[in-house]
PDB file of all heavy atoms in Angstrom:
ATOM      1  N   GLN A   1      24.868  42.236  22.520  1.00  0.00           N
ATOM      2  CA  GLN A   1      23.802  42.271  23.522  1.00  0.00           C
ATOM      3  C   GLN A   1      23.152  40.913  23.710  1.00  0.00           C
ATOM      4  O   GLN A   1      22.789  40.523  24.813  1.00  0.00           O
ATOM      5  CB  GLN A   1      22.740  43.301  23.110  1.00  0.00           C
ATOM      6  CG  GLN A   1      23.202  44.747  23.242  1.00  0.00           C
ATOM      7  CD  GLN A   1      22.234  45.715  22.596  1.00  0.00           C
ATOM      8  OE1 GLN A   1      21.167  45.318  22.118  1.00  0.00           O
ATOM      9  NE2 GLN A   1      22.605  46.993  22.570  1.00  0.00           N
ATOM     10  N   ARG A   2      22.998  40.165  22.621  1.00  0.00           N
ATOM     11  CA  ARG A   2      22.302  38.879  22.689  1.00  0.00           C
ATOM     12  C   ARG A   2      23.237  37.701  22.954  1.00  0.00           C
ATOM     13  O   ARG A   2      22.801  36.653  23.405  1.00  0.00           O
ATOM     14  CB  ARG A   2      21.544  38.626  21.375  1.00  0.00           C
ATOM     15  CG  ARG A   2      20.448  39.635  21.100  1.00  0.00           C
ATOM     16  CD  ARG A   2      19.554  39.153  19.992  1.00  0.00           C
ATOM     17  NE  ARG A   2      18.492  40.115  19.711  1.00  0.00           N
ATOM     18  CZ  ARG A   2      17.376  39.793  19.072  1.00  0.00           C
ATOM     19  NH1 ARG A   2      17.185  38.546  18.663  1.00  0.00           N
ATOM     20  NH2 ARG A   2      16.462  40.694  18.843  1.00  0.00           N
ATOM     21  N   TYR A   3      24.498  37.886  22.649  1.00  0.00           N
ATOM     22  CA  TYR A   3      25.428  36.752  22.693  1.00  0.00           C
ATOM     23  C   TYR A   3      25.648  36.196  24.097  1.00  0.00           C
ATOM     24  O   TYR A   3      25.479  35.018  24.335  1.00  0.00           O
ATOM     25  CB  TYR A   3      26.775  37.165  22.092  1.00  0.00           C
ATOM     26  CG  TYR A   3      27.903  36.216  22.437  1.00  0.00           C
ATOM     27  CD1 TYR A   3      27.933  34.919  21.926  1.00  0.00           C
ATOM     28  CD2 TYR A   3      28.936  36.610  23.296  1.00  0.00           C
ATOM     29  CE1 TYR A   3      28.958  34.047  22.239  1.00  0.00           C
ATOM     30  CE2 TYR A   3      29.966  35.748  23.608  1.00  0.00           C
ATOM     31  CZ  TYR A   3      29.967  34.475  23.083  1.00  0.00           C
ATOM     32  OH  TYR A   3      30.979  33.615  23.407  1.00  0.00           O
ATOM     33  N   ARG A   4      25.990  37.038  25.041  1.00  0.00           N
ATOM     34  CA  ARG A   4      26.362  36.518  26.349  1.00  0.00           C
ATOM     35  C   ARG A   4      25.220  35.790  27.042  1.00  0.00           C
ATOM     36  O   ARG A   4      25.401  34.675  27.512  1.00  0.00           O
ATOM     37  CB  ARG A   4      26.918  37.651  27.226  1.00  0.00           C
ATOM     38  CG  ARG A   4      27.371  37.215  28.610  1.00  0.00           C
ATOM     39  CD  ARG A   4      28.263  35.966  28.574  1.00  0.00           C
ATOM     40  NE  ARG A   4      29.445  36.125  27.759  1.00  0.00           N
ATOM     41  CZ  ARG A   4      30.225  35.118  27.391  1.00  0.00           C
ATOM     42  NH1 ARG A   4      29.927  33.879  27.732  1.00  0.00           N
ATOM     43  NH2 ARG A   4      31.284  35.346  26.649  1.00  0.00           N
ATOM     44  N   PRO A   5      24.012  36.384  27.088  1.00  0.00           N
ATOM     45  CA  PRO A   5      22.913  35.638  27.719  1.00  0.00           C
ATOM     46  C   PRO A   5      22.647  34.305  27.031  1.00  0.00           C
ATOM     47  O   PRO A   5      22.404  33.292  27.678  1.00  0.00           O
ATOM     48  CB  PRO A   5      21.726  36.583  27.571  1.00  0.00           C
ATOM     49  CG  PRO A   5      22.347  37.936  27.473  1.00  0.00           C
ATOM     50  CD  PRO A   5      23.614  37.731  26.719  1.00  0.00           C
ATOM     51  N   ALA A   6      22.706  34.298  25.701  1.00  0.00           N
ATOM     52  CA  ALA A   6      22.442  33.062  24.966  1.00  0.00           C
ATOM     53  C   ALA A   6      23.532  32.029  25.230  1.00  0.00           C
ATOM     54  O   ALA A   6      23.261  30.843  25.396  1.00  0.00           O
ATOM     55  CB  ALA A   6      22.354  33.354  23.468  1.00  0.00           C
ATOM     56  N   ALA A   7      24.778  32.467  25.282  1.00  0.00           N
ATOM     57  CA  ALA A   7      25.892  31.540  25.483  1.00  0.00           C
ATOM     58  C   ALA A   7      25.913  30.991  26.899  1.00  0.00           C
ATOM     59  O   ALA A   7      26.379  29.885  27.143  1.00  0.00           O
ATOM     60  CB  ALA A   7      27.208  32.249  25.186  1.00  0.00           C
ATOM     61  N   ASP A   8      25.399  31.768  27.863  1.00  0.00           N
ATOM     62  CA  ASP A   8      25.449  31.350  29.263  1.00  0.00           C
ATOM     63  C   ASP A   8      24.289  30.454  29.677  1.00  0.00           C
ATOM     64  O   ASP A   8      24.383  29.718  30.648  1.00  0.00           O
ATOM     65  CB  ASP A   8      25.436  32.590  30.175  1.00  0.00           C
ATOM     66  CG  ASP A   8      26.795  33.263  30.188  1.00  0.00           C
ATOM     67  OD1 ASP A   8      27.757  32.609  29.762  1.00  0.00           O
ATOM     68  OD2 ASP A   8      26.872  34.430  30.598  1.00  0.00           O
ATOM     69  N   SER A   9      23.165  30.531  28.947  1.00  0.00           N
ATOM     70  CA  SER A   9      21.953  29.877  29.441  1.00  0.00           C
ATOM     71  C   SER A   9      21.678  28.511  28.817  1.00  0.00           C
ATOM     72  O   SER A   9      21.905  27.480  29.434  1.00  0.00           O
ATOM     73  CB  SER A   9      20.746  30.798  29.237  1.00  0.00           C
ATOM     74  OG  SER A   9      20.613  31.130  27.864  1.00  0.00           O
ATOM     75  N   ALA A  10      21.196  28.501  27.580  1.00  0.00           N
ATOM     76  CA  ALA A  10      20.693  27.260  26.992  1.00  0.00           C
ATOM     77  C   ALA A  10      21.778  26.202  26.871  1.00  0.00           C
ATOM     78  O   ALA A  10      22.919  26.501  26.532  1.00  0.00           O
ATOM     79  CB  ALA A  10      20.131  27.548  25.604  1.00  0.00           C
ATOM     80  N   PRO A  11      21.459  24.945  27.140  1.00  0.00           N
ATOM     81  CA  PRO A  11      22.421  23.859  26.944  1.00  0.00           C
ATOM     82  C   PRO A  11      22.690  23.656  25.457  1.00  0.00           C
ATOM     83  O   PRO A  11      21.858  23.999  24.626  1.00  0.00           O
ATOM     84  CB  PRO A  11      21.701  22.641  27.548  1.00  0.00           C
ATOM     85  CG  PRO A  11      20.259  22.987  27.469  1.00  0.00           C
ATOM     86  CD  PRO A  11      20.171  24.460  27.662  1.00  0.00           C
ATOM     87  N   PRO A  12      23.845  23.120  25.091  1.00  0.00           N
ATOM     88  CA  PRO A  12      24.222  22.984  23.685  1.00  0.00           C
ATOM     89  C   PRO A  12      23.174  22.287  22.835  1.00  0.00           C
ATOM     90  O   PRO A  12      22.934  22.679  21.713  1.00  0.00           O
ATOM     91  CB  PRO A  12      25.520  22.171  23.758  1.00  0.00           C
ATOM     92  CG  PRO A  12      26.089  22.498  25.093  1.00  0.00           C
ATOM     93  CD  PRO A  12      24.914  22.678  26.004  1.00  0.00           C
ATOM     94  N   GLU A  13      22.529  21.243  23.356  1.00  0.00           N
ATOM     95  CA  GLU A  13      21.611  20.484  22.519  1.00  0.00           C
ATOM     96  C   GLU A  13      20.346  21.252  22.182  1.00  0.00           C
ATOM     97  O   GLU A  13      19.573  20.861  21.322  1.00  0.00           O
ATOM     98  CB  GLU A  13      21.233  19.152  23.193  1.00  0.00           C
ATOM     99  CG  GLU A  13      20.614  19.293  24.577  1.00  0.00           C
ATOM    100  CD  GLU A  13      21.668  19.281  25.669  1.00  0.00           C
ATOM    101  OE1 GLU A  13      22.851  19.525  25.367  1.00  0.00           O
ATOM    102  OE2 GLU A  13      21.288  19.027  26.818  1.00  0.00           O
ATOM    103  N   ASP A  14      20.081  22.382  22.862  1.00  0.00           N
ATOM    104  CA  ASP A  14      18.881  23.157  22.597  1.00  0.00           C
ATOM    105  C   ASP A  14      19.024  24.073  21.391  1.00  0.00           C
ATOM    106  O   ASP A  14      18.052  24.611  20.903  1.00  0.00           O
ATOM    107  CB  ASP A  14      18.499  24.016  23.815  1.00  0.00           C
ATOM    108  CG  ASP A  14      17.892  23.176  24.928  1.00  0.00           C
ATOM    109  OD1 ASP A  14      17.563  22.006  24.669  1.00  0.00           O
ATOM    110  OD2 ASP A  14      17.770  23.697  26.030  1.00  0.00           O
ATOM    111  N   ILE A  15      20.244  24.320  20.950  1.00  0.00           N
ATOM    112  CA  ILE A  15      20.463  25.270  19.872  1.00  0.00           C
ATOM    113  C   ILE A  15      20.298  24.560  18.521  1.00  0.00           C
ATOM    114  O   ILE A  15      21.035  23.655  18.197  1.00  0.00           O
ATOM    115  CB  ILE A  15      21.844  25.937  19.975  1.00  0.00           C
ATOM    116  CG1 ILE A  15      21.992  27.017  18.923  1.00  0.00           C
ATOM    117  CG2 ILE A  15      22.975  24.958  19.894  1.00  0.00           C
ATOM    118  CD1 ILE A  15      21.180  28.231  19.204  1.00  0.00           C
ATOM    119  N   GLN A  16      19.271  24.942  17.786  1.00  0.00           N
ATOM    120  CA  GLN A  16      19.002  24.329  16.496  1.00  0.00           C
ATOM    121  C   GLN A  16      18.579  25.395  15.508  1.00  0.00           C
ATOM    122  O   GLN A  16      17.838  26.317  15.851  1.00  0.00           O
ATOM    123  CB  GLN A  16      17.904  23.270  16.603  1.00  0.00           C
ATOM    124  CG  GLN A  16      18.315  22.039  17.392  1.00  0.00           C
ATOM    125  CD  GLN A  16      17.217  21.001  17.406  1.00  0.00           C
ATOM    126  OE1 GLN A  16      16.096  21.254  16.976  1.00  0.00           O
ATOM    127  NE2 GLN A  16      17.537  19.824  17.902  1.00  0.00           N
ATOM    128  N   ILE A  17      19.056  25.285  14.285  1.00  0.00           N
ATOM    129  CA  ILE A  17      18.659  26.187  13.214  1.00  0.00           C
ATOM    130  C   ILE A  17      17.721  25.409  12.293  1.00  0.00           C
ATOM    131  O   ILE A  17      18.048  24.318  11.845  1.00  0.00           O
ATOM    132  CB  ILE A  17      19.887  26.694  12.432  1.00  0.00           C
ATOM    133  CG1 ILE A  17      20.764  27.544  13.354  1.00  0.00           C
ATOM    134  CG2 ILE A  17      19.470  27.497  11.220  1.00  0.00           C
ATOM    135  CD1 ILE A  17      22.032  28.037  12.699  1.00  0.00           C
ATOM    136  N   SER A  18      16.558  25.964  12.033  1.00  0.00           N
ATOM    137  CA  SER A  18      15.601  25.269  11.174  1.00  0.00           C
ATOM    138  C   SER A  18      16.060  25.371   9.722  1.00  0.00           C
ATOM    139  O   SER A  18      16.774  26.310   9.350  1.00  0.00           O
ATOM    140  CB  SER A  18      14.214  25.886  11.310  1.00  0.00           C
ATOM    141  OG  SER A  18      14.153  27.125  10.633  1.00  0.00           O
ATOM    142  N   PRO A  19      15.658  24.423   8.874  1.00  0.00           N
ATOM    143  CA  PRO A  19      16.024  24.480   7.460  1.00  0.00           C
ATOM    144  C   PRO A  19      15.576  25.775   6.780  1.00  0.00           C
ATOM    145  O   PRO A  19      16.265  26.278   5.901  1.00  0.00           O
ATOM    146  CB  PRO A  19      15.317  23.259   6.868  1.00  0.00           C
ATOM    147  CG  PRO A  19      15.263  22.289   8.004  1.00  0.00           C
ATOM    148  CD  PRO A  19      14.999  23.139   9.215  1.00  0.00           C
ATOM    149  N   LEU A  20      14.418  26.318   7.190  1.00  0.00           N
ATOM    150  CA  LEU A  20      13.949  27.555   6.575  1.00  0.00           C
ATOM    151  C   LEU A  20      14.833  28.742   6.987  1.00  0.00           C
ATOM    152  O   LEU A  20      15.164  29.595   6.164  1.00  0.00           O
ATOM    153  CB  LEU A  20      12.490  27.816   6.948  1.00  0.00           C
ATOM    154  CG  LEU A  20      11.482  26.829   6.338  1.00  0.00           C
ATOM    155  CD1 LEU A  20      10.082  27.099   6.855  1.00  0.00           C
ATOM    156  CD2 LEU A  20      11.502  26.913   4.816  1.00  0.00           C
ATOM    157  N   ASP A  21      15.220  28.797   8.277  1.00  0.00           N
ATOM    158  CA  ASP A  21      16.148  29.837   8.716  1.00  0.00           C
ATOM    159  C   ASP A  21      17.508  29.656   8.049  1.00  0.00           C
ATOM    160  O   ASP A  21      18.166  30.614   7.645  1.00  0.00           O
ATOM    161  CB  ASP A  21      16.321  29.804  10.241  1.00  0.00           C
ATOM    162  CG  ASP A  21      15.131  30.411  10.967  1.00  0.00           C
ATOM    163  OD1 ASP A  21      14.357  31.135  10.315  1.00  0.00           O
ATOM    164  OD2 ASP A  21      14.972  30.151  12.166  1.00  0.00           O
ATOM    165  N   GLY A  22      17.919  28.397   7.942  1.00  0.00           N
ATOM    166  CA  GLY A  22      19.193  28.104   7.290  1.00  0.00           C
ATOM    167  C   GLY A  22      19.187  28.522   5.828  1.00  0.00           C
ATOM    168  O   GLY A  22      20.209  28.965   5.291  1.00  0.00           O
ATOM    169  N   TYR A  23      18.013  28.396   5.176  1.00  0.00           N
ATOM    170  CA  TYR A  23      17.907  28.800   3.773  1.00  0.00           C
ATOM    171  C   TYR A  23      18.121  30.313   3.640  1.00  0.00           C
ATOM    172  O   TYR A  23      18.715  30.790   2.671  1.00  0.00           O
ATOM    173  CB  TYR A  23      16.545  28.413   3.191  1.00  0.00           C
ATOM    174  CG  TYR A  23      16.629  27.816   1.800  1.00  0.00           C
ATOM    175  CD1 TYR A  23      15.862  26.726   1.435  1.00  0.00           C
ATOM    176  CD2 TYR A  23      17.487  28.354   0.843  1.00  0.00           C
ATOM    177  CE1 TYR A  23      15.950  26.169   0.169  1.00  0.00           C
ATOM    178  CE2 TYR A  23      17.579  27.805  -0.425  1.00  0.00           C
ATOM    179  CZ  TYR A  23      16.804  26.717  -0.757  1.00  0.00           C
ATOM    180  OH  TYR A  23      16.908  26.180  -2.019  1.00  0.00           O
ATOM    181  N   ASP A  24      17.648  31.072   4.634  1.00  0.00           N
ATOM    182  CA  ASP A  24      17.900  32.514   4.628  1.00  0.00           C
ATOM    183  C   ASP A  24      19.402  32.794   4.680  1.00  0.00           C
ATOM    184  O   ASP A  24      19.912  33.674   3.986  1.00  0.00           O
ATOM    185  CB  ASP A  24      17.215  33.184   5.824  1.00  0.00           C
ATOM    186  CG  ASP A  24      15.705  33.249   5.672  1.00  0.00           C
ATOM    187  OD1 ASP A  24      15.235  33.251   4.517  1.00  0.00           O
ATOM    188  OD2 ASP A  24      15.005  33.276   6.693  1.00  0.00           O
ATOM    189  N   ALA A  25      20.101  32.037   5.523  1.00  0.00           N
ATOM    190  CA  ALA A  25      21.554  32.206   5.633  1.00  0.00           C
ATOM    191  C   ALA A  25      22.227  31.844   4.312  1.00  0.00           C
ATOM    192  O   ALA A  25      23.191  32.493   3.887  1.00  0.00           O
ATOM    193  CB  ALA A  25      22.099  31.350   6.764  1.00  0.00           C
ATOM    194  N   PHE A  26      21.739  30.798   3.672  1.00  0.00           N
ATOM    195  CA  PHE A  26      22.285  30.376   2.368  1.00  0.00           C
ATOM    196  C   PHE A  26      22.124  31.496   1.336  1.00  0.00           C
ATOM    197  O   PHE A  26      23.069  31.839   0.618  1.00  0.00           O
ATOM    198  CB  PHE A  26      21.557  29.120   1.889  1.00  0.00           C
ATOM    199  CG  PHE A  26      21.896  28.710   0.482  1.00  0.00           C
ATOM    200  CD1 PHE A  26      23.004  27.921   0.221  1.00  0.00           C
ATOM    201  CD2 PHE A  26      21.105  29.117  -0.588  1.00  0.00           C
ATOM    202  CE1 PHE A  26      23.326  27.543  -1.077  1.00  0.00           C
ATOM    203  CE2 PHE A  26      21.414  28.753  -1.888  1.00  0.00           C
ATOM    204  CZ  PHE A  26      22.524  27.962  -2.128  1.00  0.00           C
ATOM    205  N   LEU A  27      20.923  32.075   1.269  1.00  0.00           N
ATOM    206  CA  LEU A  27      20.667  33.134   0.301  1.00  0.00           C
ATOM    207  C   LEU A  27      21.541  34.356   0.571  1.00  0.00           C
ATOM    208  O   LEU A  27      22.029  35.009  -0.357  1.00  0.00           O
ATOM    209  CB  LEU A  27      19.187  33.522   0.331  1.00  0.00           C
ATOM    210  CG  LEU A  27      18.222  32.457  -0.207  1.00  0.00           C
ATOM    211  CD1 LEU A  27      16.782  32.822   0.112  1.00  0.00           C
ATOM    212  CD2 LEU A  27      18.405  32.282  -1.709  1.00  0.00           C
ATOM    213  N   GLU A  28      21.747  34.638   1.850  1.00  0.00           N
ATOM    214  CA  GLU A  28      22.630  35.748   2.208  1.00  0.00           C
ATOM    215  C   GLU A  28      24.071  35.446   1.791  1.00  0.00           C
ATOM    216  O   GLU A  28      24.772  36.302   1.251  1.00  0.00           O
ATOM    217  CB  GLU A  28      22.581  35.984   3.728  1.00  0.00           C
ATOM    218  CG  GLU A  28      21.326  36.674   4.220  1.00  0.00           C
ATOM    219  CD  GLU A  28      21.296  38.150   3.855  1.00  0.00           C
ATOM    220  OE1 GLU A  28      22.369  38.766   3.758  1.00  0.00           O
ATOM    221  OE2 GLU A  28      20.200  38.683   3.653  1.00  0.00           O
ATOM    222  N   ALA A  29      24.489  34.221   2.040  1.00  0.00           N
ATOM    223  CA  ALA A  29      25.866  33.833   1.727  1.00  0.00           C
ATOM    224  C   ALA A  29      26.136  33.844   0.225  1.00  0.00           C
ATOM    225  O   ALA A  29      27.252  34.133  -0.218  1.00  0.00           O
ATOM    226  CB  ALA A  29      26.167  32.461   2.308  1.00  0.00           C
ATOM    227  N   LYS A  30      25.126  33.516  -0.556  1.00  0.00           N
ATOM    228  CA  LYS A  30      25.310  33.393  -2.003  1.00  0.00           C
ATOM    229  C   LYS A  30      25.027  34.692  -2.750  1.00  0.00           C
ATOM    230  O   LYS A  30      25.184  34.744  -3.969  1.00  0.00           O
ATOM    231  CB  LYS A  30      24.410  32.280  -2.552  1.00  0.00           C
ATOM    232  CG  LYS A  30      24.741  30.894  -2.021  1.00  0.00           C
ATOM    233  CD  LYS A  30      26.167  30.490  -2.363  1.00  0.00           C
ATOM    234  CE  LYS A  30      26.501  29.098  -1.859  1.00  0.00           C
ATOM    235  NZ  LYS A  30      27.883  28.702  -2.196  1.00  0.00           N
ATOM    236  N   GLN A  31      24.571  35.728  -2.036  1.00  0.00           N
ATOM    237  CA  GLN A  31      24.316  37.007  -2.678  1.00  0.00           C
ATOM    238  C   GLN A  31      25.614  37.532  -3.300  1.00  0.00           C
ATOM    239  O   GLN A  31      26.640  37.658  -2.628  1.00  0.00           O
ATOM    240  CB  GLN A  31      23.807  38.015  -1.646  1.00  0.00           C
ATOM    241  CG  GLN A  31      23.181  39.265  -2.244  1.00  0.00           C
ATOM    242  CD  GLN A  31      21.822  39.009  -2.853  1.00  0.00           C
ATOM    243  OE1 GLN A  31      21.062  38.202  -2.345  1.00  0.00           O
ATOM    244  NE2 GLN A  31      21.522  39.683  -3.937  1.00  0.00           N
ATOM    245  N   GLY A  32      25.566  37.816  -4.588  1.00  0.00           N
ATOM    246  CA  GLY A  32      26.766  38.296  -5.266  1.00  0.00           C
ATOM    247  C   GLY A  32      27.646  37.186  -5.791  1.00  0.00           C
ATOM    248  O   GLY A  32      28.571  37.441  -6.566  1.00  0.00           O
ATOM    249  N   ARG A  33      27.350  35.941  -5.384  1.00  0.00           N
ATOM    250  CA  ARG A  33      28.151  34.805  -5.862  1.00  0.00           C
ATOM    251  C   ARG A  33      27.368  33.957  -6.859  1.00  0.00           C
ATOM    252  O   ARG A  33      27.953  33.253  -7.674  1.00  0.00           O
ATOM    253  CB  ARG A  33      28.600  33.948  -4.680  1.00  0.00           C
ATOM    254  CG  ARG A  33      29.487  34.716  -3.703  1.00  0.00           C
ATOM    255  CD  ARG A  33      29.841  33.888  -2.493  1.00  0.00           C
ATOM    256  NE  ARG A  33      30.629  32.721  -2.839  1.00  0.00           N
ATOM    257  CZ  ARG A  33      31.004  31.788  -1.967  1.00  0.00           C
ATOM    258  NH1 ARG A  33      30.653  31.913  -0.695  1.00  0.00           N
ATOM    259  NH2 ARG A  33      31.728  30.767  -2.350  1.00  0.00           N
ATOM    260  N   LEU A  34      26.042  34.004  -6.766  1.00  0.00           N
ATOM    261  CA  LEU A  34      25.185  33.332  -7.736  1.00  0.00           C
ATOM    262  C   LEU A  34      24.517  34.382  -8.608  1.00  0.00           C
ATOM    263  O   LEU A  34      24.280  35.511  -8.178  1.00  0.00           O
ATOM    264  CB  LEU A  34      24.110  32.501  -7.033  1.00  0.00           C
ATOM    265  CG  LEU A  34      24.559  31.245  -6.280  1.00  0.00           C
ATOM    266  CD1 LEU A  34      23.352  30.559  -5.642  1.00  0.00           C
ATOM    267  CD2 LEU A  34      25.280  30.270  -7.206  1.00  0.00           C
ATOM    268  N   GLN A  35      24.180  34.000  -9.828  1.00  0.00           N
ATOM    269  CA  GLN A  35      23.454  34.900 -10.716  1.00  0.00           C
ATOM    270  C   GLN A  35      22.047  35.155 -10.170  1.00  0.00           C
ATOM    271  O   GLN A  35      21.471  34.299  -9.491  1.00  0.00           O
ATOM    272  CB  GLN A  35      23.366  34.290 -12.112  1.00  0.00           C
ATOM    273  CG  GLN A  35      24.699  34.191 -12.835  1.00  0.00           C
ATOM    274  CD  GLN A  35      25.332  35.557 -13.034  1.00  0.00           C
ATOM    275  OE1 GLN A  35      24.711  36.467 -13.578  1.00  0.00           O
ATOM    276  NE2 GLN A  35      26.570  35.710 -12.582  1.00  0.00           N
ATOM    277  N   PRO A  36      21.473  36.329 -10.467  1.00  0.00           N
ATOM    278  CA  PRO A  36      20.128  36.642  -9.973  1.00  0.00           C
ATOM    279  C   PRO A  36      19.112  35.559 -10.293  1.00  0.00           C
ATOM    280  O   PRO A  36      18.244  35.237  -9.473  1.00  0.00           O
ATOM    281  CB  PRO A  36      19.800  37.958 -10.692  1.00  0.00           C
ATOM    282  CG  PRO A  36      21.128  38.598 -10.905  1.00  0.00           C
ATOM    283  CD  PRO A  36      22.068  37.458 -11.192  1.00  0.00           C
ATOM    284  N   GLY A  37      19.219  34.969 -11.489  1.00  0.00           N
ATOM    285  CA  GLY A  37      18.286  33.913 -11.865  1.00  0.00           C
ATOM    286  C   GLY A  37      18.412  32.691 -10.967  1.00  0.00           C
ATOM    287  O   GLY A  37      17.412  32.088 -10.579  1.00  0.00           O
ATOM    288  N   SER A  38      19.646  32.328 -10.628  1.00  0.00           N
ATOM    289  CA  SER A  38      19.873  31.175  -9.751  1.00  0.00           C
ATOM    290  C   SER A  38      19.372  31.451  -8.338  1.00  0.00           C
ATOM    291  O   SER A  38      18.812  30.568  -7.686  1.00  0.00           O
ATOM    292  CB  SER A  38      21.372  30.826  -9.715  1.00  0.00           C
ATOM    293  OG  SER A  38      21.831  30.461 -10.997  1.00  0.00           O
ATOM    294  N   LEU A  39      19.582  32.684  -7.868  1.00  0.00           N
ATOM    295  CA  LEU A  39      19.065  33.055  -6.541  1.00  0.00           C
ATOM    296  C   LEU A  39      17.548  32.966  -6.520  1.00  0.00           C
ATOM    297  O   LEU A  39      16.954  32.514  -5.536  1.00  0.00           O
ATOM    298  CB  LEU A  39      19.511  34.468  -6.175  1.00  0.00           C
ATOM    299  CG  LEU A  39      20.977  34.641  -5.764  1.00  0.00           C
ATOM    300  CD1 LEU A  39      21.315  36.112  -5.628  1.00  0.00           C
ATOM    301  CD2 LEU A  39      21.263  33.902  -4.456  1.00  0.00           C
ATOM    302  N   GLN A  40      16.906  33.381  -7.620  1.00  0.00           N
ATOM    303  CA  GLN A  40      15.447  33.322  -7.683  1.00  0.00           C
ATOM    304  C   GLN A  40      14.963  31.883  -7.662  1.00  0.00           C
ATOM    305  O   GLN A  40      13.930  31.571  -7.063  1.00  0.00           O
ATOM    306  CB  GLN A  40      14.939  34.038  -8.936  1.00  0.00           C
ATOM    307  CG  GLN A  40      13.423  34.144  -9.017  1.00  0.00           C
ATOM    308  CD  GLN A  40      12.805  34.789  -7.786  1.00  0.00           C
ATOM    309  OE1 GLN A  40      13.262  35.844  -7.328  1.00  0.00           O
ATOM    310  NE2 GLN A  40      11.778  34.165  -7.232  1.00  0.00           N
ATOM    311  N   VAL A  41      15.693  30.987  -8.308  1.00  0.00           N
ATOM    312  CA  VAL A  41      15.337  29.558  -8.285  1.00  0.00           C
ATOM    313  C   VAL A  41      15.350  29.047  -6.846  1.00  0.00           C
ATOM    314  O   VAL A  41      14.472  28.290  -6.422  1.00  0.00           O
ATOM    315  CB  VAL A  41      16.311  28.746  -9.164  1.00  0.00           C
ATOM    316  CG1 VAL A  41      16.136  27.245  -8.925  1.00  0.00           C
ATOM    317  CG2 VAL A  41      16.083  29.068 -10.636  1.00  0.00           C
ATOM    318  N   HIS A  42      16.356  29.470  -6.064  1.00  0.00           N
ATOM    319  CA  HIS A  42      16.442  29.049  -4.663  1.00  0.00           C
ATOM    320  C   HIS A  42      15.328  29.682  -3.826  1.00  0.00           C
ATOM    321  O   HIS A  42      14.779  29.037  -2.920  1.00  0.00           O
ATOM    322  CB  HIS A  42      17.810  29.402  -4.082  1.00  0.00           C
ATOM    323  CG  HIS A  42      18.863  28.385  -4.391  1.00  0.00           C
ATOM    324  ND1 HIS A  42      18.908  27.154  -3.769  1.00  0.00           N
ATOM    325  CD2 HIS A  42      19.887  28.401  -5.274  1.00  0.00           C
ATOM    326  CE1 HIS A  42      19.927  26.459  -4.234  1.00  0.00           C
ATOM    327  NE2 HIS A  42      20.537  27.195  -5.158  1.00  0.00           N
TER     328      HIS A  42
END
C-alpha cells in the first residue's frame, strides 16, 4: 500500500534514514544473532 506512492513521488535524494531509525533496524536484524546481554548494551 505504501510502496508505490512512495516510489513514484519523492526524488531519490529526499529518502533518508535517521541513525535512530537505523538503530531500530539493527536491533531487529541482530535479534537471535546477538546474546540478550549484547542486545541490551546496544
